[in-house]
Amino acid sequence: MKELKRASSLWAKKKSRQWSLFQWQAGYGAFSVSQSQKERVREYIRTQEEHHRRLSFQDELRALLKKHEIAFDERYVWD
């Protein structure tokens, strides 16, 4: 995960000046997606900025974890 974060940060910063200050949060989460949902995920990513104007990332993650019955402790989830 460390290498993926490093490589993607370098890629983003080389891609455009607007990403020059980009950095990942300290931790990470990983989720799998089935092949049948690939286009739905792409659309979600494409409209993510607009989507998070209506629902915060934190609220969305809480709902996702609860929906899939994944236990979590808020003290360790957010930076």
N, C-alpha and C. Protein backbone atom coordinates (compact mmCIF):
# COMPACT_ATOMS: atom_id res chain seq x y z
N MET A 1 0.82 -1.17 0.00
CA MET A 1 0.00 0.00 0.00
C MET A 1 0.88 1.25 0.00
N LYS A 2 1.95 1.20 0.75
CA LYS A 2 2.87 2.33 0.81
C LYS A 2 3.38 2.69 -0.58
N GLU A 3 3.77 1.70 -1.35
CA GLU A 3 4.29 1.93 -2.71
C GLU A 3 3.21 2.47 -3.63
N LEU A 4 2.00 1.96 -3.50
CA LEU A 4 0.90 2.45 -4.33
C LEU A 4 0.62 3.92 -4.03
N LYS A 5 0.60 4.29 -2.76
CA LYS A 5 0.37 5.68 -2.38
C LYS A 5 1.50 6.57 -2.90
N ARG A 6 2.74 6.10 -2.76
CA ARG A 6 3.89 6.89 -3.23
C ARG A 6 3.82 7.08 -4.73
N ALA A 7 3.61 6.01 -5.47
CA ALA A 7 3.61 6.09 -6.93
C ALA A 7 2.44 6.93 -7.45
N SER A 8 1.27 6.78 -6.85
CA SER A 8 0.12 7.55 -7.32
C SER A 8 0.27 9.04 -6.99
N SER A 9 0.90 9.36 -5.87
CA SER A 9 1.17 10.77 -5.53
C SER A 9 2.12 11.39 -6.55
N LEU A 10 3.18 10.68 -6.88
CA LEU A 10 4.13 11.18 -7.88
C LEU A 10 3.46 11.36 -9.23
N TRP A 11 2.63 10.39 -9.62
CA TRP A 11 1.93 10.46 -10.90
C TRP A 11 1.03 11.70 -10.94
N ALA A 12 0.22 11.91 -9.88
CA ALA A 12 -0.70 13.05 -9.85
C ALA A 12 0.05 14.37 -9.92
N LYS A 13 1.15 14.48 -9.19
CA LYS A 13 1.92 15.72 -9.16
C LYS A 13 2.57 16.03 -10.51
N LYS A 14 2.95 14.98 -11.24
CA LYS A 14 3.54 15.18 -12.58
C LYS A 14 2.47 15.48 -13.61
N LYS A 15 1.25 15.03 -13.37
CA LYS A 15 0.15 15.17 -14.32
C LYS A 15 -0.27 16.63 -14.49
N SER A 16 -0.35 17.36 -13.39
CA SER A 16 -0.85 18.73 -13.46
C SER A 16 -0.39 19.55 -12.27
N ARG A 17 -0.18 20.83 -12.49
CA ARG A 17 0.22 21.73 -11.39
C ARG A 17 -0.84 21.81 -10.31
N GLN A 18 -2.10 21.66 -10.68
CA GLN A 18 -3.17 21.76 -9.68
C GLN A 18 -3.05 20.68 -8.61
N TRP A 19 -2.30 19.62 -8.88
CA TRP A 19 -2.11 18.53 -7.93
C TRP A 19 -0.78 18.64 -7.18
N SER A 20 -0.10 19.75 -7.31
CA SER A 20 1.24 19.88 -6.72
C SER A 20 1.27 19.70 -5.20
N LEU A 21 0.18 20.02 -4.53
CA LEU A 21 0.13 19.89 -3.07
C LEU A 21 -0.60 18.62 -2.62
N PHE A 22 -0.94 17.77 -3.57
CA PHE A 22 -1.68 16.55 -3.24
C PHE A 22 -0.89 15.68 -2.28
N GLN A 23 -1.61 15.11 -1.31
CA GLN A 23 -1.01 14.10 -0.43
C GLN A 23 -2.12 13.20 0.09
N TRP A 24 -1.78 11.96 0.34
CA TRP A 24 -2.71 10.99 0.89
C TRP A 24 -2.80 11.18 2.39
N GLN A 25 -3.92 10.76 2.96
CA GLN A 25 -4.03 10.75 4.42
C GLN A 25 -3.08 9.69 4.96
N ALA A 26 -2.86 9.68 6.25
CA ALA A 26 -1.89 8.76 6.85
C ALA A 26 -2.29 7.30 6.68
N GLY A 27 -3.55 6.98 6.89
CA GLY A 27 -4.00 5.59 6.80
C GLY A 27 -4.57 5.26 5.44
N TYR A 28 -5.24 4.13 5.36
CA TYR A 28 -5.87 3.74 4.11
C TYR A 28 -6.94 2.69 4.37
N GLY A 29 -7.82 2.53 3.43
CA GLY A 29 -8.83 1.47 3.44
C GLY A 29 -8.83 0.85 2.06
N ALA A 30 -9.19 -0.39 1.99
CA ALA A 30 -9.22 -1.08 0.70
C ALA A 30 -10.53 -1.84 0.58
N PHE A 31 -11.15 -1.73 -0.58
CA PHE A 31 -12.41 -2.39 -0.85
C PHE A 31 -12.33 -3.04 -2.22
N SER A 32 -12.92 -4.18 -2.35
CA SER A 32 -12.94 -4.82 -3.66
C SER A 32 -14.26 -4.48 -4.36
N VAL A 33 -14.23 -4.56 -5.68
CA VAL A 33 -15.41 -4.27 -6.49
C VAL A 33 -15.53 -5.37 -7.53
N SER A 34 -16.73 -5.88 -7.70
CA SER A 34 -16.90 -6.94 -8.69
C SER A 34 -16.83 -6.35 -10.10
N GLN A 35 -16.41 -7.15 -11.04
CA GLN A 35 -16.29 -6.73 -12.43
C GLN A 35 -17.61 -6.18 -12.97
N SER A 36 -18.72 -6.76 -12.53
CA SER A 36 -20.03 -6.33 -13.02
C SER A 36 -20.38 -4.90 -12.58
N GLN A 37 -19.69 -4.37 -11.58
CA GLN A 37 -19.97 -3.03 -11.07
C GLN A 37 -18.95 -1.99 -11.54
N LYS A 38 -18.08 -2.39 -12.44
CA LYS A 38 -16.98 -1.52 -12.88
C LYS A 38 -17.49 -0.17 -13.42
N GLU A 39 -18.48 -0.18 -14.29
CA GLU A 39 -18.97 1.08 -14.85
C GLU A 39 -19.65 1.94 -13.80
N ARG A 40 -20.33 1.32 -12.87
CA ARG A 40 -20.97 2.07 -11.78
C ARG A 40 -19.91 2.76 -10.92
N VAL A 41 -18.82 2.08 -10.65
CA VAL A 41 -17.74 2.66 -9.85
C VAL A 41 -17.07 3.80 -10.62
N ARG A 42 -16.86 3.62 -11.89
CA ARG A 42 -16.28 4.71 -12.70
C ARG A 42 -17.16 5.96 -12.65
N GLU A 43 -18.46 5.76 -12.76
CA GLU A 43 -19.40 6.90 -12.70
C GLU A 43 -19.35 7.55 -11.32
N TYR A 44 -19.27 6.75 -10.29
CA TYR A 44 -19.15 7.29 -8.92
C TYR A 44 -17.89 8.16 -8.80
N ILE A 45 -16.79 7.66 -9.29
CA ILE A 45 -15.54 8.42 -9.22
C ILE A 45 -15.65 9.71 -10.02
N ARG A 46 -16.25 9.62 -11.21
CA ARG A 46 -16.39 10.79 -12.07
C ARG A 46 -17.21 11.90 -11.40
N THR A 47 -18.23 11.53 -10.64
CA THR A 47 -19.13 12.51 -10.02
C THR A 47 -18.91 12.65 -8.51
N GLN A 48 -17.78 12.16 -8.03
CA GLN A 48 -17.51 12.13 -6.59
C GLN A 48 -17.53 13.52 -5.95
N GLU A 49 -16.96 14.49 -6.59
CA GLU A 49 -16.92 15.83 -6.00
C GLU A 49 -18.34 16.36 -5.78
N GLU A 50 -19.19 16.21 -6.78
CA GLU A 50 -20.59 16.64 -6.66
C GLU A 50 -21.32 15.82 -5.58
N HIS A 51 -21.10 14.52 -5.59
CA HIS A 51 -21.73 13.62 -4.63
C HIS A 51 -21.41 14.02 -3.19
N HIS A 52 -20.16 14.40 -2.93
CA HIS A 52 -19.75 14.73 -1.57
C HIS A 52 -20.18 16.14 -1.14
N ARG A 53 -20.80 16.87 -2.03
CA ARG A 53 -21.44 18.12 -1.61
C ARG A 53 -22.73 17.81 -0.85
N ARG A 54 -23.34 16.66 -1.19
CA ARG A 54 -24.60 16.24 -0.56
C ARG A 54 -24.39 15.32 0.64
N LEU A 55 -23.37 14.50 0.58
CA LEU A 55 -23.10 13.51 1.63
C LEU A 55 -21.61 13.51 1.89
N SER A 56 -21.23 13.77 3.12
CA SER A 56 -19.80 13.83 3.43
C SER A 56 -19.14 12.47 3.26
N PHE A 57 -17.85 12.48 3.02
CA PHE A 57 -17.10 11.24 2.92
C PHE A 57 -17.24 10.43 4.20
N GLN A 58 -17.17 11.11 5.34
CA GLN A 58 -17.25 10.44 6.63
C GLN A 58 -18.60 9.73 6.79
N ASP A 59 -19.68 10.42 6.45
CA ASP A 59 -21.01 9.81 6.57
C ASP A 59 -21.18 8.66 5.58
N GLU A 60 -20.63 8.81 4.40
CA GLU A 60 -20.72 7.74 3.41
C GLU A 60 -19.95 6.50 3.87
N LEU A 61 -18.75 6.70 4.40
CA LEU A 61 -17.96 5.56 4.87
C LEU A 61 -18.63 4.88 6.06
N ARG A 62 -19.16 5.66 6.99
CA ARG A 62 -19.88 5.07 8.13
C ARG A 62 -21.03 4.18 7.63
N ALA A 63 -21.81 4.70 6.69
CA ALA A 63 -22.95 3.94 6.15
C ALA A 63 -22.49 2.67 5.45
N LEU A 64 -21.41 2.76 4.68
CA LEU A 64 -20.89 1.60 3.97
C LEU A 64 -20.42 0.52 4.95
N LEU A 65 -19.69 0.93 5.97
CA LEU A 65 -19.19 -0.03 6.95
C LEU A 65 -20.35 -0.68 7.72
N LYS A 66 -21.33 0.12 8.10
CA LYS A 66 -22.49 -0.43 8.80
C LYS A 66 -23.30 -1.37 7.92
N LYS A 67 -23.51 -0.98 6.66
CA LYS A 67 -24.26 -1.82 5.71
C LYS A 67 -23.64 -3.21 5.58
N HIS A 68 -22.32 -3.27 5.58
CA HIS A 68 -21.62 -4.54 5.40
C HIS A 68 -21.17 -5.17 6.72
N GLU A 69 -21.71 -4.61 7.83
CA GLU A 69 -21.46 -5.13 9.17
C GLU A 69 -19.98 -5.24 9.49
N ILE A 70 -19.25 -4.17 9.13
CA ILE A 70 -17.82 -4.10 9.43
C ILE A 70 -17.65 -3.24 10.68
N ALA A 71 -17.14 -3.84 11.72
CA ALA A 71 -16.93 -3.12 12.98
C ALA A 71 -15.79 -2.12 12.81
N PHE A 72 -15.95 -0.95 13.42
CA PHE A 72 -14.90 0.06 13.36
C PHE A 72 -14.97 0.94 14.59
N ASP A 73 -13.88 1.57 14.89
CA ASP A 73 -13.78 2.48 16.02
C ASP A 73 -13.41 3.84 15.46
N GLU A 74 -14.28 4.81 15.62
CA GLU A 74 -14.07 6.15 15.04
C GLU A 74 -12.75 6.77 15.48
N ARG A 75 -12.23 6.37 16.62
CA ARG A 75 -10.95 6.94 17.08
C ARG A 75 -9.82 6.61 16.12
N TYR A 76 -9.97 5.54 15.35
CA TYR A 76 -8.88 5.09 14.48
C TYR A 76 -9.18 5.23 12.99
N VAL A 77 -10.32 5.82 12.66
CA VAL A 77 -10.72 5.90 11.25
C VAL A 77 -10.28 7.21 10.60
N TRP A 78 -10.34 8.30 11.32
CA TRP A 78 -10.08 9.62 10.71
C TRP A 78 -8.72 10.16 11.13
N ASP A 79 -8.11 10.90 10.23
CA ASP A 79 -6.83 11.58 10.54
C ASP A 79 -7.11 12.81 11.37
